[in-house]
Amino acid sequence: MAEEKSYYMTEEGKQKLEQELEDLKTERRPEVVERIKVARSFGDLSENSEYDAAKDEQAFVESRISQLENMIRYAVIIENDEDNNEVVQLGKTVVFEELPDGDEEEYQIVGSAEADPFEGRISNDSPMAQSLLGKRVGDQAMVQTPGGEFEVKIKEVK
């Protein structure tokens, strides 16, 4: 049997996934079942677009439920070491300065289940996080991105 993947996340991230799972099971799933029932009553299923759409949505909902259950089952909660604000670690927020232009950026490094770059949360599996993890305040690092490579200096870890 294949080894299951661990999903690193904060306690808050796990709670969000549990809430989404609960919503899918108690709200969306019954709604889709009702839509299928109504669409079936329209008659011939071979030319019934409402039925096809409802079955497609049911497949999506069931797939997402399965995915969330798996992520929650194999969740590893990130323990944030409040005392260590010198080393970039999973769960920490890192502030860095791009060299040589001096632009400052701030990202929290989280597990892939919680990643949202638009909210300043990057996955620990991302090339950027991989180049920052383990670095200390004052260290410089080469960051690989799809747009190219650039150098940064770690300003703060919180």
C-alpha atoms as a PDB file:
ATOM      1  CA  MET A   1       0.000   0.000   0.000  1.00  0.00           C
ATOM      2  CA  ALA A   2       1.324   3.440  -0.916  1.00  0.00           C
ATOM      3  CA  GLU A   3       2.310   5.786   1.860  1.00  0.00           C
ATOM      4  CA  GLU A   4      -0.176   8.634   2.290  1.00  0.00           C
ATOM      5  CA  LYS A   5       0.934  12.229   1.888  1.00  0.00           C
ATOM      6  CA  SER A   6       1.012  14.433   4.979  1.00  0.00           C
ATOM      7  CA  TYR A   7      -0.792  17.751   4.714  1.00  0.00           C
ATOM      8  CA  TYR A   8       0.889  20.435   6.787  1.00  0.00           C
ATOM      9  CA  MET A   9      -1.478  23.125   8.042  1.00  0.00           C
ATOM     10  CA  THR A  10      -2.251  25.439  10.884  1.00  0.00           C
ATOM     11  CA  GLU A  11      -5.040  24.648  13.319  1.00  0.00           C
ATOM     12  CA  GLU A  12      -7.039  27.471  11.696  1.00  0.00           C
ATOM     13  CA  GLY A  13      -6.512  25.923   8.258  1.00  0.00           C
ATOM     14  CA  LYS A  14      -7.725  22.530   9.476  1.00  0.00           C
ATOM     15  CA  GLN A  15     -10.832  24.132  10.966  1.00  0.00           C
ATOM     16  CA  LYS A  16     -11.596  25.823   7.625  1.00  0.00           C
ATOM     17  CA  LEU A  17     -11.325  22.478   5.826  1.00  0.00           C
ATOM     18  CA  GLU A  18     -13.573  20.825   8.434  1.00  0.00           C
ATOM     19  CA  GLN A  19     -16.148  23.607   7.985  1.00  0.00           C
ATOM     20  CA  GLU A  20     -16.068  23.233   4.183  1.00  0.00           C
ATOM     21  CA  LEU A  21     -16.491  19.456   4.566  1.00  0.00           C
ATOM     22  CA  GLU A  22     -19.449  19.912   6.896  1.00  0.00           C
ATOM     23  CA  ASP A  23     -21.066  22.372   4.451  1.00  0.00           C
ATOM     24  CA  LEU A  24     -20.601  19.990   1.522  1.00  0.00           C
ATOM     25  CA  LYS A  25     -22.099  17.068   3.444  1.00  0.00           C
ATOM     26  CA  THR A  26     -25.036  18.879   5.035  1.00  0.00           C
ATOM     27  CA  GLU A  27     -25.905  21.527   2.438  1.00  0.00           C
ATOM     28  CA  ARG A  28     -24.524  20.903  -1.057  1.00  0.00           C
ATOM     29  CA  ARG A  29     -24.888  17.112  -1.198  1.00  0.00           C
ATOM     30  CA  PRO A  30     -28.633  17.140  -0.337  1.00  0.00           C
ATOM     31  CA  GLU A  31     -29.209  20.056  -2.748  1.00  0.00           C
ATOM     32  CA  VAL A  32     -27.584  18.130  -5.602  1.00  0.00           C
ATOM     33  CA  VAL A  33     -29.541  14.958  -4.803  1.00  0.00           C
ATOM     34  CA  GLU A  34     -32.749  17.015  -4.947  1.00  0.00           C
ATOM     35  CA  ARG A  35     -31.712  18.556  -8.293  1.00  0.00           C
ATOM     36  CA  ILE A  36     -31.098  15.078  -9.702  1.00  0.00           C
ATOM     37  CA  LYS A  37     -34.503  13.928  -8.468  1.00  0.00           C
ATOM     38  CA  VAL A  38     -36.235  16.911 -10.086  1.00  0.00           C
ATOM     39  CA  ALA A  39     -34.303  16.536 -13.347  1.00  0.00           C
ATOM     40  CA  ARG A  40     -35.179  12.829 -13.478  1.00  0.00           C
ATOM     41  CA  SER A  41     -38.853  13.726 -13.353  1.00  0.00           C
ATOM     42  CA  PHE A  42     -38.465  15.610 -16.659  1.00  0.00           C
ATOM     43  CA  GLY A  43     -38.385  12.302 -18.509  1.00  0.00           C
ATOM     44  CA  ASP A  44     -35.875  11.092 -21.111  1.00  0.00           C
ATOM     45  CA  LEU A  45     -32.441  11.231 -19.458  1.00  0.00           C
ATOM     46  CA  SER A  46     -30.522  10.934 -22.750  1.00  0.00           C
ATOM     47  CA  GLU A  47     -31.404  14.514 -23.735  1.00  0.00           C
ATOM     48  CA  ASN A  48     -31.806  16.006 -20.269  1.00  0.00           C
ATOM     49  CA  SER A  49     -29.196  18.755 -19.753  1.00  0.00           C
ATOM     50  CA  GLU A  50     -30.457  19.514 -16.218  1.00  0.00           C
ATOM     51  CA  TYR A  51     -29.830  15.896 -15.252  1.00  0.00           C
ATOM     52  CA  ASP A  52     -26.349  15.903 -16.828  1.00  0.00           C
ATOM     53  CA  ALA A  53     -25.428  19.143 -15.052  1.00  0.00           C
ATOM     54  CA  ALA A  54     -26.685  17.837 -11.703  1.00  0.00           C
ATOM     55  CA  LYS A  55     -24.751  14.562 -12.116  1.00  0.00           C
ATOM     56  CA  ASP A  56     -21.598  16.538 -12.981  1.00  0.00           C
ATOM     57  CA  GLU A  57     -22.042  18.671  -9.873  1.00  0.00           C
ATOM     58  CA  GLN A  58     -22.626  15.549  -7.789  1.00  0.00           C
ATOM     59  CA  ALA A  59     -19.347  14.085  -9.059  1.00  0.00           C
ATOM     60  CA  PHE A  60     -17.535  17.319  -8.166  1.00  0.00           C
ATOM     61  CA  VAL A  61     -19.063  17.462  -4.657  1.00  0.00           C
ATOM     62  CA  GLU A  62     -18.280  13.806  -3.918  1.00  0.00           C
ATOM     63  CA  SER A  63     -14.722  14.225  -5.202  1.00  0.00           C
ATOM     64  CA  ARG A  64     -14.166  17.303  -3.038  1.00  0.00           C
ATOM     65  CA  ILE A  65     -15.620  15.526   0.019  1.00  0.00           C
ATOM     66  CA  SER A  66     -13.213  12.644  -0.520  1.00  0.00           C
ATOM     67  CA  GLN A  67     -10.281  15.034  -0.987  1.00  0.00           C
ATOM     68  CA  LEU A  68     -11.122  16.998   2.183  1.00  0.00           C
ATOM     69  CA  GLU A  69     -11.577  13.841   4.257  1.00  0.00           C
ATOM     70  CA  ASN A  70      -8.165  12.631   3.115  1.00  0.00           C
ATOM     71  CA  MET A  71      -6.498  15.988   3.864  1.00  0.00           C
ATOM     72  CA  ILE A  72      -8.049  16.138   7.335  1.00  0.00           C
ATOM     73  CA  ARG A  73      -7.172  12.497   8.067  1.00  0.00           C
ATOM     74  CA  TYR A  74      -3.501  13.065   7.212  1.00  0.00           C
ATOM     75  CA  ALA A  75      -3.247  16.610   8.576  1.00  0.00           C
ATOM     76  CA  VAL A  76      -0.093  17.512  10.461  1.00  0.00           C
ATOM     77  CA  ILE A  77      -0.646  20.605  12.564  1.00  0.00           C
ATOM     78  CA  ILE A  78       2.166  23.130  12.353  1.00  0.00           C
ATOM     79  CA  GLU A  79       3.466  23.914  15.813  1.00  0.00           C
ATOM     80  CA  ASN A  80       4.591  27.525  15.783  1.00  0.00           C
ATOM     81  CA  ASP A  81       7.689  28.004  17.926  1.00  0.00           C
ATOM     82  CA  GLU A  82       6.944  31.472  19.317  1.00  0.00           C
ATOM     83  CA  ASP A  83      10.411  31.767  20.872  1.00  0.00           C
ATOM     84  CA  ASN A  84      12.393  31.192  17.681  1.00  0.00           C
ATOM     85  CA  ASN A  85      12.112  34.219  15.425  1.00  0.00           C
ATOM     86  CA  GLU A  86      15.544  33.835  13.861  1.00  0.00           C
ATOM     87  CA  VAL A  87      15.042  30.891  11.487  1.00  0.00           C
ATOM     88  CA  VAL A  88      12.554  30.641   8.607  1.00  0.00           C
ATOM     89  CA  GLN A  89      10.303  27.652   9.362  1.00  0.00           C
ATOM     90  CA  LEU A  90       6.963  26.247   8.354  1.00  0.00           C
ATOM     91  CA  GLY A  91       4.239  28.385   9.931  1.00  0.00           C
ATOM     92  CA  LYS A  92       6.439  31.473  10.249  1.00  0.00           C
ATOM     93  CA  THR A  93       6.048  34.746   8.400  1.00  0.00           C
ATOM     94  CA  VAL A  94       9.185  35.945   6.654  1.00  0.00           C
ATOM     95  CA  VAL A  95       9.934  39.502   5.582  1.00  0.00           C
ATOM     96  CA  PHE A  96      12.632  39.857   2.954  1.00  0.00           C
ATOM     97  CA  GLU A  97      14.147  42.525   0.779  1.00  0.00           C
ATOM     98  CA  GLU A  98      14.760  41.904  -2.894  1.00  0.00           C
ATOM     99  CA  LEU A  99      18.311  42.735  -3.896  1.00  0.00           C
ATOM    100  CA  PRO A 100      19.451  45.090  -5.309  1.00  0.00           C
ATOM    101  CA  ASP A 101      16.203  47.110  -5.750  1.00  0.00           C
ATOM    102  CA  GLY A 102      15.147  46.952  -2.077  1.00  0.00           C
ATOM    103  CA  ASP A 103      11.478  45.969  -2.560  1.00  0.00           C
ATOM    104  CA  GLU A 104      10.169  44.398   0.655  1.00  0.00           C
ATOM    105  CA  GLU A 105       7.811  41.429   0.635  1.00  0.00           C
ATOM    106  CA  GLU A 106       6.170  39.397   3.383  1.00  0.00           C
ATOM    107  CA  TYR A 107       4.876  35.816   3.195  1.00  0.00           C
ATOM    108  CA  GLN A 108       3.714  33.207   5.656  1.00  0.00           C
ATOM    109  CA  ILE A 109       5.010  29.733   4.823  1.00  0.00           C
ATOM    110  CA  VAL A 110       2.187  27.210   5.187  1.00  0.00           C
ATOM    111  CA  GLY A 111       1.325  23.732   3.937  1.00  0.00           C
ATOM    112  CA  SER A 112      -0.002  23.307   0.410  1.00  0.00           C
ATOM    113  CA  ALA A 113      -3.582  22.891   1.673  1.00  0.00           C
ATOM    114  CA  GLU A 114      -3.601  26.488   2.949  1.00  0.00           C
ATOM    115  CA  ALA A 115      -1.491  28.205   0.310  1.00  0.00           C
ATOM    116  CA  ASP A 116      -2.940  31.404  -1.158  1.00  0.00           C
ATOM    117  CA  PRO A 117      -0.276  33.683  -2.637  1.00  0.00           C
ATOM    118  CA  PHE A 118      -2.798  36.520  -3.027  1.00  0.00           C
ATOM    119  CA  GLU A 119      -3.246  36.431   0.760  1.00  0.00           C
ATOM    120  CA  GLY A 120       0.504  36.244   1.393  1.00  0.00           C
ATOM    121  CA  ARG A 121       0.502  32.519   2.225  1.00  0.00           C
ATOM    122  CA  ILE A 122       2.910  30.382   0.178  1.00  0.00           C
ATOM    123  CA  SER A 123       3.226  26.610   0.148  1.00  0.00           C
ATOM    124  CA  ASN A 124       6.231  25.010   1.799  1.00  0.00           C
ATOM    125  CA  ASP A 125       6.552  23.016  -1.444  1.00  0.00           C
ATOM    126  CA  SER A 126       6.913  26.157  -3.596  1.00  0.00           C
ATOM    127  CA  PRO A 127      10.335  27.038  -5.025  1.00  0.00           C
ATOM    128  CA  MET A 128      10.301  30.346  -3.115  1.00  0.00           C
ATOM    129  CA  ALA A 129       9.619  28.702   0.247  1.00  0.00           C
ATOM    130  CA  GLN A 130      12.166  25.974  -0.456  1.00  0.00           C
ATOM    131  CA  SER A 131      14.881  28.606  -0.955  1.00  0.00           C
ATOM    132  CA  LEU A 132      13.901  30.449   2.265  1.00  0.00           C
ATOM    133  CA  LEU A 133      13.347  27.552   4.703  1.00  0.00           C
ATOM    134  CA  GLY A 134      16.182  27.167   7.193  1.00  0.00           C
ATOM    135  CA  LYS A 135      17.643  30.609   6.493  1.00  0.00           C
ATOM    136  CA  ARG A 136      18.249  33.067   9.339  1.00  0.00           C
ATOM    137  CA  VAL A 137      17.644  36.784   9.748  1.00  0.00           C
ATOM    138  CA  GLY A 138      20.401  38.556   7.827  1.00  0.00           C
ATOM    139  CA  ASP A 139      21.023  35.633   5.433  1.00  0.00           C
ATOM    140  CA  GLN A 140      20.812  36.047   1.695  1.00  0.00           C
ATOM    141  CA  ALA A 141      19.176  33.486  -0.574  1.00  0.00           C
ATOM    142  CA  MET A 142      18.708  32.903  -4.286  1.00  0.00           C
ATOM    143  CA  VAL A 143      15.010  32.450  -5.004  1.00  0.00           C
ATOM    144  CA  GLN A 144      13.915  30.463  -8.048  1.00  0.00           C
ATOM    145  CA  THR A 145      10.586  31.461  -9.609  1.00  0.00           C
ATOM    146  CA  PRO A 146       8.962  30.725 -12.964  1.00  0.00           C
ATOM    147  CA  GLY A 147       9.836  34.335 -13.902  1.00  0.00           C
ATOM    148  CA  GLY A 148      13.502  33.831 -13.144  1.00  0.00           C
ATOM    149  CA  GLU A 149      15.933  33.944 -10.280  1.00  0.00           C
ATOM    150  CA  PHE A 150      16.505  36.777  -7.824  1.00  0.00           C
ATOM    151  CA  GLU A 151      18.382  37.344  -4.603  1.00  0.00           C
ATOM    152  CA  VAL A 152      16.779  38.309  -1.288  1.00  0.00           C
ATOM    153  CA  LYS A 153      17.961  39.252   2.186  1.00  0.00           C
ATOM    154  CA  ILE A 154      15.962  37.985   5.167  1.00  0.00           C
ATOM    155  CA  LYS A 155      14.913  41.018   7.250  1.00  0.00           C
ATOM    156  CA  GLU A 156      12.576  39.509   9.849  1.00  0.00           C
ATOM    157  CA  VAL A 157      10.958  36.236  10.903  1.00  0.00           C
ATOM    158  CA  LYS A 158       7.764  36.341  12.922  1.00  0.00           C
END
